[in-house]
Amino acid sequence: MRTIWICGVDEAGRGPLVGSVVAGAVVLDPNNPIVGLKDSKKLTPTKREYLFEQIMLKAKAWGIGEAGPEEIDQINILQATMLAMRRAVEDLSARLGAWPDKALIDGNRCPELPIPAEAIVKGDTKEPAISAASILAKVTRDRQMAILHERFPQYGFAQHMGYPTAAHFAALKEFGACEEHRRTFSPVRNVLEAMGK
């Protein structure tokens, strides 16, 4: 009998004002369990990094997809999130050599996929495959923000990961937006308008 492959899908980076929205997709291997999977937000950065490597080694298949700031500005953050999720499942399918049988999506809506999909609210706390996907997405995005911090240290991305904090607002007002900022997000748009840009 053929194994049924269920893939979990989650994203990181809907709320920040800068950078990509990143999605992960994971099919776990029941014969190679990963201990300690849970919602990425409930793990320390060190534990997330450790589990990220475990997922890469032990999962049956995994995939990562993203939509960049220009795409977010063109099609809005919700559609960009769905696009990133679809790209993650496509990446997973390429590694798996076939589409999974079903996708479990964290949240209340599903991207367009050629396979059955089910949205699960708070899925990252209920389904280990979604927890694994959330860890892939979060670690990938945090690493992107660390690289962005090297390019634009004045914004403090390594501290706030691009989220709308007081320090981020202060940097936006002082330095304006960098090329990776999401210009349709109102805090960025408002600063640019105030600067006459």
N, C-alpha and C. Protein backbone atom coordinates (compact mmCIF):
# COMPACT_ATOMS: atom_id res chain seq x y z
N MET A 1 0.84 -1.20 0.00
CA MET A 1 0.00 0.00 0.00
C MET A 1 0.88 1.25 0.00
N ARG A 2 0.54 2.22 -0.85
CA ARG A 2 1.35 3.43 -0.95
C ARG A 2 1.19 4.32 0.28
N THR A 3 2.29 4.92 0.69
CA THR A 3 2.26 5.85 1.83
C THR A 3 1.50 7.12 1.43
N ILE A 4 0.67 7.61 2.36
CA ILE A 4 -0.03 8.89 2.15
C ILE A 4 0.87 10.00 2.67
N TRP A 5 1.16 10.97 1.84
CA TRP A 5 2.02 12.07 2.23
C TRP A 5 1.19 13.31 2.56
N ILE A 6 1.26 13.73 3.81
CA ILE A 6 0.56 14.95 4.26
C ILE A 6 1.61 16.02 4.52
N CYS A 7 1.42 17.16 3.90
CA CYS A 7 2.40 18.23 4.12
C CYS A 7 1.80 19.35 4.94
N GLY A 8 2.57 19.84 5.90
CA GLY A 8 2.19 21.01 6.70
C GLY A 8 2.78 22.26 6.07
N VAL A 9 2.04 23.36 6.13
CA VAL A 9 2.47 24.61 5.50
C VAL A 9 2.24 25.77 6.46
N ASP A 10 3.22 26.64 6.62
CA ASP A 10 3.07 27.84 7.46
C ASP A 10 3.97 28.93 6.91
N GLU A 11 3.73 30.15 7.40
CA GLU A 11 4.51 31.30 6.91
C GLU A 11 5.09 32.09 8.08
N ALA A 12 6.05 32.94 7.74
CA ALA A 12 6.61 33.90 8.68
C ALA A 12 6.79 35.22 7.94
N GLY A 13 6.46 36.30 8.61
CA GLY A 13 6.76 37.60 8.03
C GLY A 13 5.59 38.35 7.42
N ARG A 14 4.38 38.06 7.86
CA ARG A 14 3.25 38.85 7.35
C ARG A 14 3.24 40.26 7.94
N GLY A 15 3.61 40.37 9.20
CA GLY A 15 3.48 41.64 9.92
C GLY A 15 4.59 42.65 9.76
N PRO A 16 5.82 42.24 9.43
CA PRO A 16 6.90 43.22 9.33
C PRO A 16 6.70 44.24 8.22
N LEU A 17 7.48 45.30 8.30
CA LEU A 17 7.40 46.39 7.32
C LEU A 17 8.45 46.24 6.23
N VAL A 18 9.25 45.18 6.30
CA VAL A 18 10.40 45.06 5.41
C VAL A 18 10.64 43.58 5.08
N GLY A 19 11.21 43.33 3.90
CA GLY A 19 11.63 41.99 3.53
C GLY A 19 10.52 41.12 2.97
N SER A 20 10.86 39.86 2.76
CA SER A 20 9.95 38.89 2.15
C SER A 20 9.02 38.27 3.17
N VAL A 21 7.89 37.76 2.68
CA VAL A 21 7.10 36.81 3.46
C VAL A 21 7.57 35.43 3.01
N VAL A 22 7.89 34.57 3.99
CA VAL A 22 8.51 33.28 3.71
C VAL A 22 7.58 32.17 4.19
N ALA A 23 7.46 31.12 3.39
CA ALA A 23 6.64 29.97 3.78
C ALA A 23 7.49 28.70 3.78
N GLY A 24 7.12 27.79 4.67
CA GLY A 24 7.75 26.48 4.70
C GLY A 24 6.70 25.41 4.45
N ALA A 25 7.12 24.28 3.91
CA ALA A 25 6.24 23.12 3.70
C ALA A 25 7.04 21.88 4.07
N VAL A 26 6.43 20.99 4.84
CA VAL A 26 7.15 19.81 5.34
C VAL A 26 6.27 18.57 5.31
N VAL A 27 6.82 17.47 4.80
CA VAL A 27 6.23 16.14 4.98
C VAL A 27 7.14 15.41 5.97
N LEU A 28 6.62 15.09 7.15
CA LEU A 28 7.42 14.39 8.15
C LEU A 28 7.53 12.90 7.81
N ASP A 29 8.59 12.28 8.29
CA ASP A 29 8.81 10.85 8.10
C ASP A 29 8.47 10.13 9.41
N PRO A 30 7.38 9.35 9.46
CA PRO A 30 6.99 8.69 10.70
C PRO A 30 8.06 7.73 11.23
N ASN A 31 8.94 7.27 10.35
CA ASN A 31 10.01 6.37 10.77
C ASN A 31 11.26 7.10 11.27
N ASN A 32 11.21 8.43 11.22
CA ASN A 32 12.37 9.23 11.63
C ASN A 32 11.87 10.45 12.39
N PRO A 33 11.29 10.25 13.58
CA PRO A 33 10.62 11.35 14.28
C PRO A 33 11.57 12.45 14.73
N ILE A 34 11.03 13.65 14.81
CA ILE A 34 11.78 14.82 15.28
C ILE A 34 11.16 15.24 16.62
N VAL A 35 11.95 15.19 17.67
CA VAL A 35 11.46 15.51 19.01
C VAL A 35 11.49 17.02 19.23
N GLY A 36 10.41 17.55 19.83
CA GLY A 36 10.41 18.96 20.25
C GLY A 36 9.75 19.92 19.29
N LEU A 37 9.06 19.42 18.27
CA LEU A 37 8.40 20.33 17.33
C LEU A 37 7.26 21.06 18.02
N LYS A 38 7.24 22.37 17.85
CA LYS A 38 6.11 23.18 18.32
C LYS A 38 6.13 24.50 17.56
N ASP A 39 5.11 25.31 17.79
CA ASP A 39 5.02 26.61 17.14
C ASP A 39 6.36 27.34 17.28
N SER A 40 6.91 27.82 16.16
CA SER A 40 8.24 28.44 16.18
C SER A 40 8.32 29.62 17.13
N LYS A 41 7.19 30.32 17.34
CA LYS A 41 7.20 31.49 18.22
C LYS A 41 7.40 31.11 19.68
N LYS A 42 7.19 29.83 20.01
CA LYS A 42 7.34 29.36 21.40
C LYS A 42 8.70 28.73 21.65
N LEU A 43 9.60 28.84 20.69
CA LEU A 43 10.93 28.26 20.82
C LEU A 43 11.99 29.36 20.90
N THR A 44 13.08 29.10 21.58
CA THR A 44 14.19 30.06 21.59
C THR A 44 14.88 30.03 20.22
N PRO A 45 15.58 31.09 19.86
CA PRO A 45 16.30 31.08 18.57
C PRO A 45 17.27 29.90 18.45
N THR A 46 17.94 29.54 19.53
CA THR A 46 18.88 28.40 19.50
C THR A 46 18.15 27.10 19.21
N LYS A 47 17.01 26.90 19.88
CA LYS A 47 16.22 25.68 19.68
C LYS A 47 15.66 25.63 18.26
N ARG A 48 15.22 26.80 17.75
CA ARG A 48 14.71 26.86 16.37
C ARG A 48 15.79 26.45 15.38
N GLU A 49 16.99 26.97 15.57
CA GLU A 49 18.10 26.63 14.65
C GLU A 49 18.39 25.13 14.70
N TYR A 50 18.39 24.56 15.90
CA TYR A 50 18.64 23.12 16.05
C TYR A 50 17.56 22.31 15.31
N LEU A 51 16.29 22.68 15.54
CA LEU A 51 15.19 21.94 14.91
C LEU A 51 15.18 22.14 13.39
N PHE A 52 15.57 23.33 12.94
CA PHE A 52 15.69 23.60 11.50
C PHE A 52 16.60 22.56 10.86
N GLU A 53 17.77 22.32 11.47
CA GLU A 53 18.72 21.35 10.94
C GLU A 53 18.14 19.93 11.01
N GLN A 54 17.43 19.62 12.11
CA GLN A 54 16.82 18.29 12.25
C GLN A 54 15.77 18.05 11.15
N ILE A 55 14.98 19.08 10.86
CA ILE A 55 13.96 18.96 9.80
C ILE A 55 14.63 18.70 8.45
N MET A 56 15.68 19.44 8.17
CA MET A 56 16.42 19.25 6.91
C MET A 56 16.93 17.81 6.78
N LEU A 57 17.37 17.25 7.92
CA LEU A 57 17.96 15.91 7.91
C LEU A 57 16.92 14.80 7.90
N LYS A 58 15.84 14.99 8.68
CA LYS A 58 14.94 13.87 8.98
C LYS A 58 13.59 13.89 8.26
N ALA A 59 13.16 15.04 7.79
CA ALA A 59 11.85 15.09 7.12
C ALA A 59 11.88 14.26 5.83
N LYS A 60 10.74 13.72 5.46
CA LYS A 60 10.61 13.01 4.18
C LYS A 60 10.90 13.98 3.03
N ALA A 61 10.37 15.19 3.16
CA ALA A 61 10.64 16.25 2.18
C ALA A 61 10.31 17.59 2.81
N TRP A 62 10.94 18.64 2.31
CA TRP A 62 10.65 19.99 2.78
C TRP A 62 10.80 20.95 1.60
N GLY A 63 10.19 22.12 1.75
CA GLY A 63 10.30 23.14 0.72
C GLY A 63 10.18 24.52 1.34
N ILE A 64 10.77 25.51 0.69
CA ILE A 64 10.68 26.90 1.14
C ILE A 64 10.29 27.76 -0.05
N GLY A 65 9.37 28.68 0.18
CA GLY A 65 8.97 29.63 -0.86
C GLY A 65 8.86 31.01 -0.26
N GLU A 66 8.95 32.02 -1.09
CA GLU A 66 8.80 33.38 -0.58
C GLU A 66 8.22 34.30 -1.63
N ALA A 67 7.73 35.42 -1.16
CA ALA A 67 7.33 36.52 -2.05
C ALA A 67 8.02 37.77 -1.51
N GLY A 68 8.68 38.48 -2.40
CA GLY A 68 9.48 39.62 -1.99
C GLY A 68 8.67 40.88 -1.78
N PRO A 69 9.32 41.94 -1.27
CA PRO A 69 8.60 43.19 -0.98
C PRO A 69 7.91 43.82 -2.19
N GLU A 70 8.54 43.69 -3.37
CA GLU A 70 7.90 44.25 -4.57
C GLU A 70 6.60 43.51 -4.89
N GLU A 71 6.64 42.17 -4.76
CA GLU A 71 5.42 41.39 -4.99
C GLU A 71 4.36 41.72 -3.95
N ILE A 72 4.77 41.88 -2.71
CA ILE A 72 3.83 42.24 -1.64
C ILE A 72 3.14 43.56 -1.98
N ASP A 73 3.93 44.53 -2.44
CA ASP A 73 3.36 45.84 -2.80
C ASP A 73 2.43 45.74 -4.01
N GLN A 74 2.72 44.81 -4.92
CA GLN A 74 1.91 44.70 -6.13
C GLN A 74 0.58 43.99 -5.88
N ILE A 75 0.60 42.92 -5.07
CA ILE A 75 -0.61 42.08 -4.98
C ILE A 75 -1.22 42.03 -3.58
N ASN A 76 -0.66 42.67 -2.61
CA ASN A 76 -1.03 42.78 -1.19
C ASN A 76 -0.49 41.60 -0.38
N ILE A 77 -0.40 41.78 0.92
CA ILE A 77 0.28 40.81 1.78
C ILE A 77 -0.46 39.48 1.83
N LEU A 78 -1.78 39.50 1.80
CA LEU A 78 -2.53 38.24 1.85
C LEU A 78 -2.23 37.40 0.61
N GLN A 79 -2.34 38.01 -0.58
CA GLN A 79 -2.07 37.27 -1.82
C GLN A 79 -0.61 36.83 -1.91
N ALA A 80 0.29 37.69 -1.40
CA ALA A 80 1.72 37.34 -1.41
C ALA A 80 1.99 36.15 -0.48
N THR A 81 1.26 36.10 0.65
CA THR A 81 1.41 34.97 1.57
C THR A 81 0.94 33.68 0.90
N MET A 82 -0.19 33.74 0.21
CA MET A 82 -0.69 32.56 -0.50
C MET A 82 0.31 32.12 -1.59
N LEU A 83 0.91 33.10 -2.27
CA LEU A 83 1.90 32.81 -3.32
C LEU A 83 3.13 32.13 -2.72
N ALA A 84 3.62 32.65 -1.58
CA ALA A 84 4.78 32.05 -0.92
C ALA A 84 4.47 30.62 -0.49
N MET A 85 3.25 30.39 0.03
CA MET A 85 2.87 29.04 0.44
C MET A 85 2.83 28.09 -0.76
N ARG A 86 2.27 28.56 -1.86
CA ARG A 86 2.22 27.72 -3.05
C ARG A 86 3.63 27.38 -3.53
N ARG A 87 4.51 28.37 -3.52
CA ARG A 87 5.89 28.14 -3.95
C ARG A 87 6.59 27.15 -3.01
N ALA A 88 6.27 27.20 -1.72
CA ALA A 88 6.88 26.26 -0.78
C ALA A 88 6.44 24.82 -1.08
N VAL A 89 5.14 24.65 -1.37
CA VAL A 89 4.63 23.31 -1.70
C VAL A 89 5.21 22.84 -3.03
N GLU A 90 5.37 23.75 -3.98
CA GLU A 90 5.98 23.38 -5.27
C GLU A 90 7.44 22.94 -5.07
N ASP A 91 8.16 23.65 -4.21
CA ASP A 91 9.55 23.31 -3.91
C ASP A 91 9.62 21.93 -3.25
N LEU A 92 8.74 21.70 -2.27
CA LEU A 92 8.66 20.40 -1.61
C LEU A 92 8.36 19.29 -2.63
N SER A 93 7.41 19.55 -3.52
CA SER A 93 7.01 18.53 -4.50
C SER A 93 8.16 18.17 -5.43
N ALA A 94 8.96 19.16 -5.78
CA ALA A 94 10.12 18.90 -6.64
C ALA A 94 11.11 17.99 -5.92
N ARG A 95 11.31 18.20 -4.62
CA ARG A 95 12.24 17.36 -3.85
C ARG A 95 11.66 15.97 -3.61
N LEU A 96 10.33 15.91 -3.42
CA LEU A 96 9.65 14.65 -3.14
C LEU A 96 9.51 13.80 -4.40
N GLY A 97 9.49 14.49 -5.55
CA GLY A 97 9.30 13.80 -6.82
C GLY A 97 7.84 13.57 -7.16
N ALA A 98 6.95 14.17 -6.37
CA ALA A 98 5.50 14.05 -6.61
C ALA A 98 4.81 15.07 -5.71
N TRP A 99 3.56 15.38 -6.05
CA TRP A 99 2.78 16.23 -5.15
C TRP A 99 2.40 15.41 -3.93
N PRO A 100 2.38 16.02 -2.73
CA PRO A 100 1.84 15.30 -1.58
C PRO A 100 0.34 15.05 -1.78
N ASP A 101 -0.24 14.19 -0.96
CA ASP A 101 -1.66 13.84 -1.12
C ASP A 101 -2.58 14.94 -0.57
N LYS A 102 -2.09 15.68 0.41
CA LYS A 102 -2.91 16.71 1.03
C LYS A 102 -2.00 17.73 1.70
N ALA A 103 -2.48 18.97 1.79
CA ALA A 103 -1.74 20.02 2.50
C ALA A 103 -2.57 20.52 3.68
N LEU A 104 -1.94 20.64 4.82
CA LEU A 104 -2.56 21.25 6.01
C LEU A 104 -1.95 22.63 6.17
N ILE A 105 -2.81 23.65 6.07
CA ILE A 105 -2.35 25.04 6.03
C ILE A 105 -2.65 25.73 7.36
N ASP A 106 -1.64 26.37 7.94
CA ASP A 106 -1.90 27.14 9.16
C ASP A 106 -2.73 28.38 8.83
N GLY A 107 -3.81 28.60 9.58
CA GLY A 107 -4.63 29.80 9.35
C GLY A 107 -6.04 29.46 8.93
N ASN A 108 -6.69 30.41 8.28
CA ASN A 108 -8.11 30.23 7.95
C ASN A 108 -8.40 30.24 6.45
N ARG A 109 -7.34 30.19 5.64
CA ARG A 109 -7.56 30.08 4.19
C ARG A 109 -6.41 29.36 3.53
N CYS A 110 -6.67 28.83 2.36
CA CYS A 110 -5.68 27.99 1.66
C CYS A 110 -5.24 28.64 0.36
N PRO A 111 -3.97 28.45 0.00
CA PRO A 111 -3.53 28.87 -1.32
C PRO A 111 -4.12 27.94 -2.38
N GLU A 112 -4.08 28.37 -3.63
CA GLU A 112 -4.54 27.51 -4.73
C GLU A 112 -3.47 26.44 -4.98
N LEU A 113 -3.88 25.19 -4.83
CA LEU A 113 -2.96 24.06 -5.02
C LEU A 113 -3.66 22.99 -5.85
N PRO A 114 -2.91 22.15 -6.54
CA PRO A 114 -3.52 21.07 -7.33
C PRO A 114 -3.83 19.83 -6.49
N ILE A 115 -3.82 19.98 -5.17
CA ILE A 115 -4.11 18.88 -4.25
C ILE A 115 -5.11 19.37 -3.21
N PRO A 116 -5.80 18.48 -2.51
CA PRO A 116 -6.70 18.91 -1.44
C PRO A 116 -5.92 19.65 -0.36
N ALA A 117 -6.53 20.69 0.19
CA ALA A 117 -5.89 21.47 1.25
C ALA A 117 -6.92 21.79 2.33
N GLU A 118 -6.46 21.82 3.57
CA GLU A 118 -7.33 22.12 4.71
C GLU A 118 -6.68 23.21 5.55
N ALA A 119 -7.42 24.28 5.82
CA ALA A 119 -6.93 25.35 6.69
C ALA A 119 -7.22 24.98 8.14
N ILE A 120 -6.24 25.14 9.00
CA ILE A 120 -6.39 24.82 10.42
C ILE A 120 -5.94 26.03 11.24
N VAL A 121 -6.89 26.68 11.90
CA VAL A 121 -6.56 27.82 12.76
C VAL A 121 -5.70 27.33 13.92
N LYS A 122 -4.60 28.07 14.18
CA LYS A 122 -3.62 27.67 15.19
C LYS A 122 -3.04 26.27 14.89
N GLY A 123 -2.93 25.97 13.61
CA GLY A 123 -2.41 24.67 13.19
C GLY A 123 -1.00 24.41 13.66
N ASP A 124 -0.22 25.50 13.86
CA ASP A 124 1.17 25.31 14.28
C ASP A 124 1.27 24.80 15.72
N THR A 125 0.15 24.81 16.45
CA THR A 125 0.14 24.23 17.80
C THR A 125 -0.52 22.85 17.82
N LYS A 126 -1.11 22.45 16.69
CA LYS A 126 -1.90 21.21 16.64
C LYS A 126 -1.30 20.13 15.77
N GLU A 127 -0.61 20.51 14.72
CA GLU A 127 -0.10 19.55 13.74
C GLU A 127 1.43 19.65 13.66
N PRO A 128 2.15 18.58 14.01
CA PRO A 128 3.62 18.64 13.98
C PRO A 128 4.20 19.06 12.62
N ALA A 129 3.56 18.64 11.52
CA ALA A 129 4.09 19.03 10.20
C ALA A 129 3.98 20.54 9.98
N ILE A 130 2.90 21.14 10.51
CA ILE A 130 2.77 22.61 10.41
C ILE A 130 3.79 23.28 11.33
N SER A 131 4.00 22.73 12.54
CA SER A 131 5.03 23.27 13.44
C SER A 131 6.39 23.26 12.75
N ALA A 132 6.70 22.15 12.08
CA ALA A 132 7.97 22.05 11.36
C ALA A 132 8.06 23.10 10.26
N ALA A 133 6.96 23.30 9.53
CA ALA A 133 6.93 24.31 8.47
C ALA A 133 7.13 25.71 9.04
N SER A 134 6.54 25.97 10.21
CA SER A 134 6.68 27.29 10.84
C SER A 134 8.14 27.55 11.24
N ILE A 135 8.83 26.49 11.68
CA ILE A 135 10.25 26.63 12.05
C ILE A 135 11.10 26.91 10.82
N LEU A 136 10.85 26.18 9.73
CA LEU A 136 11.59 26.43 8.48
C LEU A 136 11.41 27.88 8.03
N ALA A 137 10.15 28.34 8.04
CA ALA A 137 9.85 29.69 7.56
C ALA A 137 10.50 30.74 8.45
N LYS A 138 10.37 30.58 9.76
CA LYS A 138 10.88 31.58 10.71
C LYS A 138 12.40 31.67 10.67
N VAL A 139 13.09 30.53 10.68
CA VAL A 139 14.55 30.55 10.67
C VAL A 139 15.06 31.13 9.35
N THR A 140 14.44 30.74 8.24
CA THR A 140 14.85 31.28 6.93
C THR A 140 14.70 32.79 6.90
N ARG A 141 13.55 33.27 7.39
CA ARG A 141 13.33 34.72 7.36
C ARG A 141 14.26 35.46 8.32
N ASP A 142 14.48 34.90 9.51
CA ASP A 142 15.40 35.55 10.47
C ASP A 142 16.81 35.64 9.88
N ARG A 143 17.22 34.60 9.16
CA ARG A 143 18.54 34.65 8.52
C ARG A 143 18.59 35.73 7.45
N GLN A 144 17.49 35.89 6.71
CA GLN A 144 17.42 36.96 5.71
C GLN A 144 17.55 38.33 6.37
N MET A 145 16.88 38.48 7.53
CA MET A 145 16.93 39.77 8.22
C MET A 145 18.32 40.06 8.77
N ALA A 146 19.04 39.02 9.18
CA ALA A 146 20.42 39.22 9.65
C ALA A 146 21.30 39.73 8.51
N ILE A 147 21.08 39.19 7.30
CA ILE A 147 21.83 39.66 6.12
C ILE A 147 21.43 41.10 5.78
N LEU A 148 20.14 41.38 5.90
CA LEU A 148 19.65 42.74 5.62
C LEU A 148 20.23 43.73 6.64
N HIS A 149 20.40 43.27 7.86
CA HIS A 149 20.99 44.12 8.91
C HIS A 149 22.43 44.49 8.55
N GLU A 150 23.15 43.56 7.94
CA GLU A 150 24.53 43.86 7.51
C GLU A 150 24.53 44.96 6.45
N ARG A 151 23.54 44.92 5.57
CA ARG A 151 23.45 45.92 4.49
C ARG A 151 22.95 47.26 4.99
N PHE A 152 22.01 47.23 5.93
CA PHE A 152 21.37 48.47 6.41
C PHE A 152 21.36 48.50 7.95
N PRO A 153 22.54 48.60 8.58
CA PRO A 153 22.60 48.50 10.05
C PRO A 153 21.83 49.61 10.78
N GLN A 154 21.60 50.73 10.08
CA GLN A 154 20.96 51.87 10.74
C GLN A 154 19.52 51.58 11.19
N TYR A 155 18.89 50.55 10.62
CA TYR A 155 17.49 50.27 10.97
C TYR A 155 17.33 49.31 12.15
N GLY A 156 18.39 48.60 12.53
CA GLY A 156 18.29 47.68 13.65
C GLY A 156 17.50 46.41 13.36
N PHE A 157 17.54 45.94 12.11
CA PHE A 157 16.73 44.76 11.73
C PHE A 157 17.06 43.53 12.57
N ALA A 158 18.31 43.38 13.00
CA ALA A 158 18.69 42.20 13.78
C ALA A 158 17.96 42.16 15.12
N GLN A 159 17.54 43.34 15.60
CA GLN A 159 16.83 43.39 16.89
C GLN A 159 15.32 43.15 16.71
N HIS A 160 14.70 43.87 15.79
CA HIS A 160 13.22 43.80 15.69
C HIS A 160 12.72 42.99 14.50
N MET A 161 13.64 42.46 13.68
CA MET A 161 13.28 41.60 12.54
C MET A 161 12.31 42.29 11.56
N GLY A 162 12.33 43.61 11.55
CA GLY A 162 11.48 44.34 10.59
C GLY A 162 10.08 44.64 11.09
N TYR A 163 9.76 44.19 12.31
CA TYR A 163 8.41 44.45 12.83
C TYR A 163 8.27 45.92 13.19
N PRO A 164 7.01 46.40 13.28
CA PRO A 164 6.78 47.82 13.52
C PRO A 164 6.97 48.22 14.99
N THR A 165 8.22 48.32 15.42
CA THR A 165 8.55 48.73 16.78
C THR A 165 8.86 50.23 16.82
N ALA A 166 8.94 50.77 18.02
CA ALA A 166 9.27 52.19 18.18
C ALA A 166 10.64 52.49 17.57
N ALA A 167 11.60 51.59 17.78
CA ALA A 167 12.95 51.80 17.22
C ALA A 167 12.92 51.80 15.69
N HIS A 168 12.11 50.92 15.13
CA HIS A 168 11.99 50.85 13.66
C HIS A 168 11.36 52.13 13.12
N PHE A 169 10.29 52.61 13.79
CA PHE A 169 9.64 53.86 13.37
C PHE A 169 10.63 55.02 13.42
N ALA A 170 11.42 55.07 14.49
CA ALA A 170 12.40 56.16 14.65
C ALA A 170 13.42 56.12 13.52
N ALA A 171 13.88 54.92 13.17
CA ALA A 171 14.86 54.79 12.08
C ALA A 171 14.24 55.17 10.74
N LEU A 172 12.99 54.77 10.53
CA LEU A 172 12.29 55.15 9.28
C LEU A 172 12.20 56.67 9.15
N LYS A 173 11.87 57.33 10.26
CA LYS A 173 11.73 58.80 10.21
C LYS A 173 13.06 59.46 9.96
N GLU A 174 14.13 58.86 10.49
CA GLU A 174 15.45 59.47 10.34
C GLU A 174 16.06 59.19 8.97
N PHE A 175 15.93 57.95 8.50
CA PHE A 175 16.66 57.53 7.30
C PHE A 175 15.77 57.30 6.08
N GLY A 176 14.44 57.38 6.26
CA GLY A 176 13.55 57.02 5.16
C GLY A 176 13.52 55.51 4.98
N ALA A 177 12.98 55.06 3.86
CA ALA A 177 12.85 53.62 3.62
C ALA A 177 14.03 53.11 2.79
N CYS A 178 14.43 51.87 3.04
CA CYS A 178 15.43 51.23 2.18
C CYS A 178 14.69 50.48 1.06
N GLU A 179 15.44 49.91 0.13
CA GLU A 179 14.80 49.27 -1.04
C GLU A 179 13.98 48.04 -0.66
N GLU A 180 14.22 47.47 0.53
CA GLU A 180 13.50 46.27 0.96
C GLU A 180 12.24 46.58 1.75
N HIS A 181 11.98 47.85 2.03
CA HIS A 181 10.75 48.19 2.77
C HIS A 181 9.51 47.99 1.89
N ARG A 182 8.42 47.61 2.54
CA ARG A 182 7.14 47.40 1.85
C ARG A 182 6.41 48.75 1.79
N ARG A 183 6.42 49.34 0.63
CA ARG A 183 5.95 50.72 0.51
C ARG A 183 4.44 50.89 0.65
N THR A 184 3.68 49.82 0.47
CA THR A 184 2.22 49.93 0.62
C THR A 184 1.77 49.79 2.07
N PHE A 185 2.69 49.39 2.98
CA PHE A 185 2.32 49.31 4.39
C PHE A 185 2.25 50.72 4.95
N SER A 186 1.14 51.03 5.62
CA SER A 186 0.86 52.43 5.98
C SER A 186 1.98 53.11 6.79
N PRO A 187 2.65 52.45 7.75
CA PRO A 187 3.72 53.18 8.46
C PRO A 187 4.85 53.62 7.53
N VAL A 188 5.18 52.78 6.54
CA VAL A 188 6.23 53.15 5.57
C VAL A 188 5.70 54.23 4.64
N ARG A 189 4.49 54.03 4.13
CA ARG A 189 3.88 55.01 3.21
C ARG A 189 3.78 56.39 3.87
N ASN A 190 3.34 56.40 5.13
CA ASN A 190 3.17 57.67 5.83
C ASN A 190 4.49 58.41 6.00
N VAL A 191 5.56 57.69 6.32
CA VAL A 191 6.87 58.32 6.48
C VAL A 191 7.34 58.88 5.15
N LEU A 192 7.17 58.09 4.07
CA LEU A 192 7.61 58.55 2.75
C LEU A 192 6.83 59.79 2.30
N GLU A 193 5.52 59.77 2.58
CA GLU A 193 4.69 60.94 2.21
C GLU A 193 5.13 62.17 3.01
N ALA A 194 5.43 61.98 4.29
CA ALA A 194 5.85 63.10 5.13
C ALA A 194 7.19 63.67 4.63
N MET A 195 8.01 62.80 4.03
CA MET A 195 9.31 63.25 3.51
C MET A 195 9.20 63.77 2.07
N GLY A 196 7.96 63.70 1.53
CA GLY A 196 7.75 64.18 0.17
C GLY A 196 8.25 63.24 -0.91
N LYS A 197 8.29 61.91 -0.59
CA LYS A 197 8.81 60.94 -1.55
C LYS A 197 7.68 60.06 -2.08
